[in-house]
Amino acid sequence: MRWALLWVLALSALAFALMGADKRRARAGHRRIPERVLFAAAILGGSPGAIAGMWAFRHKTRHWYFRYGLPALLAAQLALAAWAAGLPA
């Protein structure tokens, strides 16, 4: 359980940093981080950080697939974690 929590924290920090870096690149007109990389970090366990980064940096909030997709992904990950832990529904 501790390793899973450390994994989520590490990937969340990475996803948060990626959102911030992509926002800085967007403002500066530099090459952007691909959206699939942002989603990959979220899918691998960093969805809490991706959501926090999206709102903290006001980045990707107009894209429906980020605005609704990331919370849906987080809900699915929480349901999977509860199922894996054997918690009742």
N, C-alpha and C. Protein backbone atom coordinates (compact mmCIF):
# COMPACT_ATOMS: atom_id res chain seq x y z
N MET A 1 0.82 -1.20 0.00
CA MET A 1 0.00 0.00 0.00
C MET A 1 0.86 1.26 0.00
N ARG A 2 1.95 1.24 0.77
CA ARG A 2 2.81 2.41 0.84
C ARG A 2 3.45 2.69 -0.52
N TRP A 3 3.84 1.62 -1.23
CA TRP A 3 4.46 1.82 -2.54
C TRP A 3 3.48 2.44 -3.53
N ALA A 4 2.24 2.01 -3.44
CA ALA A 4 1.22 2.58 -4.33
C ALA A 4 1.03 4.07 -4.05
N LEU A 5 1.02 4.43 -2.78
CA LEU A 5 0.87 5.83 -2.42
C LEU A 5 2.07 6.65 -2.90
N LEU A 6 3.26 6.11 -2.73
CA LEU A 6 4.46 6.81 -3.22
C LEU A 6 4.44 6.96 -4.74
N TRP A 7 3.96 5.92 -5.42
CA TRP A 7 3.84 5.96 -6.88
C TRP A 7 2.89 7.09 -7.31
N VAL A 8 1.73 7.16 -6.67
CA VAL A 8 0.74 8.18 -7.01
C VAL A 8 1.29 9.57 -6.71
N LEU A 9 1.96 9.72 -5.58
CA LEU A 9 2.55 11.02 -5.24
C LEU A 9 3.62 11.44 -6.26
N ALA A 10 4.48 10.51 -6.64
CA ALA A 10 5.53 10.83 -7.60
C ALA A 10 4.96 11.19 -8.97
N LEU A 11 3.99 10.38 -9.44
CA LEU A 11 3.40 10.66 -10.75
C LEU A 11 2.55 11.92 -10.72
N SER A 12 1.92 12.20 -9.58
CA SER A 12 1.14 13.43 -9.46
C SER A 12 2.06 14.65 -9.51
N ALA A 13 3.20 14.56 -8.85
CA ALA A 13 4.17 15.66 -8.91
C ALA A 13 4.66 15.86 -10.33
N LEU A 14 4.92 14.75 -11.03
CA LEU A 14 5.36 14.84 -12.43
C LEU A 14 4.28 15.46 -13.30
N ALA A 15 3.04 15.00 -13.16
CA ALA A 15 1.94 15.53 -13.97
C ALA A 15 1.72 17.01 -13.70
N PHE A 16 1.81 17.40 -12.43
CA PHE A 16 1.66 18.81 -12.06
C PHE A 16 2.76 19.64 -12.73
N ALA A 17 4.00 19.15 -12.66
CA ALA A 17 5.13 19.86 -13.27
C ALA A 17 4.98 19.93 -14.79
N LEU A 18 4.50 18.86 -15.40
CA LEU A 18 4.30 18.87 -16.85
C LEU A 18 3.26 19.90 -17.27
N MET A 19 2.19 20.01 -16.50
CA MET A 19 1.17 21.02 -16.80
C MET A 19 1.76 22.42 -16.71
N GLY A 20 2.55 22.67 -15.67
CA GLY A 20 3.18 23.98 -15.52
C GLY A 20 4.17 24.27 -16.63
N ALA A 21 4.97 23.27 -16.98
CA ALA A 21 5.95 23.45 -18.05
C ALA A 21 5.27 23.71 -19.38
N ASP A 22 4.19 22.98 -19.66
CA ASP A 22 3.48 23.19 -20.92
C ASP A 22 2.85 24.57 -20.98
N LYS A 23 2.33 25.04 -19.85
CA LYS A 23 1.76 26.39 -19.82
C LYS A 23 2.84 27.44 -20.09
N ARG A 24 4.01 27.28 -19.46
CA ARG A 24 5.11 28.22 -19.72
C ARG A 24 5.53 28.20 -21.18
N ARG A 25 5.60 27.00 -21.75
CA ARG A 25 5.98 26.88 -23.16
C ARG A 25 4.93 27.52 -24.07
N ALA A 26 3.66 27.37 -23.71
CA ALA A 26 2.59 27.95 -24.51
C ALA A 26 2.69 29.47 -24.51
N ARG A 27 2.93 30.04 -23.36
CA ARG A 27 3.04 31.50 -23.26
C ARG A 27 4.26 32.03 -24.01
N ALA A 28 5.35 31.26 -23.97
CA ALA A 28 6.58 31.71 -24.60
C ALA A 28 6.62 31.42 -26.10
N GLY A 29 5.65 30.64 -26.58
CA GLY A 29 5.61 30.31 -27.99
C GLY A 29 6.61 29.23 -28.37
N HIS A 30 7.05 28.44 -27.41
CA HIS A 30 7.99 27.36 -27.67
C HIS A 30 7.26 26.06 -27.97
N ARG A 31 8.05 25.06 -28.31
CA ARG A 31 7.48 23.75 -28.61
C ARG A 31 6.77 23.20 -27.38
N ARG A 32 5.58 22.66 -27.60
CA ARG A 32 4.70 22.22 -26.51
C ARG A 32 4.92 20.76 -26.14
N ILE A 33 4.47 20.40 -24.96
CA ILE A 33 4.46 19.00 -24.52
C ILE A 33 3.21 18.37 -25.13
N PRO A 34 3.35 17.24 -25.82
CA PRO A 34 2.17 16.62 -26.45
C PRO A 34 1.10 16.25 -25.42
N GLU A 35 -0.16 16.39 -25.83
CA GLU A 35 -1.26 16.07 -24.94
C GLU A 35 -1.23 14.61 -24.52
N ARG A 36 -0.76 13.74 -25.39
CA ARG A 36 -0.70 12.32 -25.02
C ARG A 36 0.27 12.08 -23.88
N VAL A 37 1.31 12.91 -23.76
CA VAL A 37 2.25 12.80 -22.63
C VAL A 37 1.57 13.25 -21.35
N LEU A 38 0.79 14.32 -21.43
CA LEU A 38 0.05 14.79 -20.25
C LEU A 38 -0.96 13.74 -19.78
N PHE A 39 -1.67 13.14 -20.74
CA PHE A 39 -2.63 12.09 -20.38
C PHE A 39 -1.93 10.83 -19.88
N ALA A 40 -0.78 10.50 -20.46
CA ALA A 40 -0.05 9.30 -20.02
C ALA A 40 0.35 9.43 -18.55
N ALA A 41 0.83 10.60 -18.16
CA ALA A 41 1.19 10.80 -16.76
C ALA A 41 -0.03 10.64 -15.86
N ALA A 42 -1.18 11.10 -16.32
CA ALA A 42 -2.41 10.96 -15.53
C ALA A 42 -2.87 9.51 -15.48
N ILE A 43 -2.82 8.82 -16.59
CA ILE A 43 -3.27 7.43 -16.65
C ILE A 43 -2.39 6.53 -15.78
N LEU A 44 -1.12 6.82 -15.73
CA LEU A 44 -0.19 6.00 -14.95
C LEU A 44 -0.30 6.25 -13.45
N GLY A 45 -1.17 7.13 -13.03
CA GLY A 45 -1.39 7.35 -11.60
C GLY A 45 -1.30 8.79 -11.17
N GLY A 46 -1.00 9.69 -12.08
CA GLY A 46 -0.82 11.09 -11.72
C GLY A 46 -2.03 11.96 -11.94
N SER A 47 -3.22 11.38 -11.99
CA SER A 47 -4.41 12.19 -12.26
C SER A 47 -4.66 13.25 -11.19
N PRO A 48 -4.40 13.00 -9.89
CA PRO A 48 -4.60 14.09 -8.93
C PRO A 48 -3.69 15.30 -9.23
N GLY A 49 -2.46 15.05 -9.57
CA GLY A 49 -1.54 16.14 -9.90
C GLY A 49 -1.89 16.83 -11.20
N ALA A 50 -2.37 16.05 -12.17
CA ALA A 50 -2.77 16.64 -13.45
C ALA A 50 -3.96 17.56 -13.26
N ILE A 51 -4.92 17.15 -12.46
CA ILE A 51 -6.09 17.99 -12.19
C ILE A 51 -5.66 19.24 -11.42
N ALA A 52 -4.82 19.06 -10.42
CA ALA A 52 -4.34 20.22 -9.65
C ALA A 52 -3.57 21.18 -10.54
N GLY A 53 -2.73 20.65 -11.42
CA GLY A 53 -1.96 21.49 -12.33
C GLY A 53 -2.84 22.20 -13.35
N MET A 54 -3.86 21.49 -13.82
CA MET A 54 -4.78 22.08 -14.78
C MET A 54 -5.44 23.32 -14.18
N TRP A 55 -5.88 23.23 -12.93
CA TRP A 55 -6.56 24.36 -12.30
C TRP A 55 -5.59 25.40 -11.75
N ALA A 56 -4.45 24.97 -11.23
CA ALA A 56 -3.49 25.92 -10.67
C ALA A 56 -2.90 26.82 -11.75
N PHE A 57 -2.63 26.23 -12.91
CA PHE A 57 -2.02 27.00 -14.00
C PHE A 57 -3.05 27.48 -15.01
N ARG A 58 -4.33 27.15 -14.78
CA ARG A 58 -5.41 27.48 -15.71
C ARG A 58 -5.03 27.05 -17.12
N HIS A 59 -4.66 25.77 -17.19
CA HIS A 59 -4.15 25.22 -18.44
C HIS A 59 -5.00 24.03 -18.86
N LYS A 60 -5.41 24.02 -20.10
CA LYS A 60 -6.22 22.97 -20.70
C LYS A 60 -7.64 22.93 -20.13
N THR A 61 -8.08 23.99 -19.49
CA THR A 61 -9.41 23.99 -18.88
C THR A 61 -10.53 24.16 -19.91
N ARG A 62 -10.21 24.60 -21.10
CA ARG A 62 -11.23 24.76 -22.14
C ARG A 62 -11.42 23.52 -22.99
N HIS A 63 -10.51 22.57 -22.85
CA HIS A 63 -10.60 21.32 -23.61
C HIS A 63 -11.48 20.34 -22.83
N TRP A 64 -12.59 19.93 -23.44
CA TRP A 64 -13.53 19.07 -22.73
C TRP A 64 -12.89 17.77 -22.30
N TYR A 65 -11.98 17.23 -23.13
CA TYR A 65 -11.38 15.94 -22.80
C TYR A 65 -10.42 16.04 -21.61
N PHE A 66 -9.95 17.22 -21.29
CA PHE A 66 -9.18 17.41 -20.05
C PHE A 66 -10.14 17.76 -18.91
N ARG A 67 -11.04 18.68 -19.17
CA ARG A 67 -11.95 19.17 -18.13
C ARG A 67 -12.81 18.06 -17.53
N TYR A 68 -13.28 17.15 -18.38
CA TYR A 68 -14.13 16.06 -17.91
C TYR A 68 -13.40 14.73 -17.88
N GLY A 69 -12.43 14.56 -18.75
CA GLY A 69 -11.70 13.30 -18.84
C GLY A 69 -10.82 13.02 -17.64
N LEU A 70 -10.10 14.04 -17.15
CA LEU A 70 -9.22 13.82 -16.01
C LEU A 70 -10.00 13.49 -14.74
N PRO A 71 -11.09 14.21 -14.41
CA PRO A 71 -11.87 13.79 -13.23
C PRO A 71 -12.48 12.39 -13.39
N ALA A 72 -12.93 12.06 -14.59
CA ALA A 72 -13.47 10.72 -14.83
C ALA A 72 -12.38 9.66 -14.65
N LEU A 73 -11.19 9.97 -15.12
CA LEU A 73 -10.06 9.06 -14.94
C LEU A 73 -9.74 8.89 -13.46
N LEU A 74 -9.75 9.97 -12.70
CA LEU A 74 -9.49 9.89 -11.27
C LEU A 74 -10.56 9.04 -10.57
N ALA A 75 -11.81 9.23 -10.94
CA ALA A 75 -12.89 8.44 -10.34
C ALA A 75 -12.71 6.95 -10.65
N ALA A 76 -12.33 6.64 -11.88
CA ALA A 76 -12.09 5.24 -12.24
C ALA A 76 -10.91 4.67 -11.47
N GLN A 77 -9.86 5.45 -11.31
CA GLN A 77 -8.69 4.99 -10.57
C GLN A 77 -9.02 4.78 -9.09
N LEU A 78 -9.83 5.65 -8.50
CA LEU A 78 -10.24 5.49 -7.11
C LEU A 78 -11.12 4.25 -6.95
N ALA A 79 -12.01 4.01 -7.90
CA ALA A 79 -12.86 2.82 -7.84
C ALA A 79 -12.01 1.56 -7.97
N LEU A 80 -11.04 1.58 -8.86
CA LEU A 80 -10.13 0.44 -9.02
C LEU A 80 -9.31 0.21 -7.75
N ALA A 81 -8.84 1.27 -7.14
CA ALA A 81 -8.07 1.15 -5.90
C ALA A 81 -8.93 0.59 -4.77
N ALA A 82 -10.18 1.04 -4.69
CA ALA A 82 -11.08 0.52 -3.66
C ALA A 82 -11.37 -0.96 -3.89
N TRP A 83 -11.57 -1.34 -5.14
CA TRP A 83 -11.80 -2.74 -5.47
C TRP A 83 -10.58 -3.58 -5.13
N ALA A 84 -9.40 -3.09 -5.49
CA ALA A 84 -8.16 -3.82 -5.22
C ALA A 84 -7.91 -3.96 -3.73
N ALA A 85 -8.33 -2.97 -2.95
CA ALA A 85 -8.14 -3.02 -1.50
C ALA A 85 -9.22 -3.86 -0.82
N GLY A 86 -10.23 -4.27 -1.58
CA GLY A 86 -11.28 -5.09 -1.03
C GLY A 86 -12.31 -4.33 -0.22
N LEU A 87 -12.42 -3.03 -0.50
CA LEU A 87 -13.40 -2.21 0.23
C LEU A 87 -14.79 -2.48 -0.33
N PRO A 88 -15.81 -2.47 0.53
CA PRO A 88 -17.18 -2.69 0.05
C PRO A 88 -17.69 -1.52 -0.79
N ALA A 89 -18.56 -1.82 -1.69
CA ALA A 89 -19.09 -0.79 -2.60
C ALA A 89 -20.10 0.10 -1.94
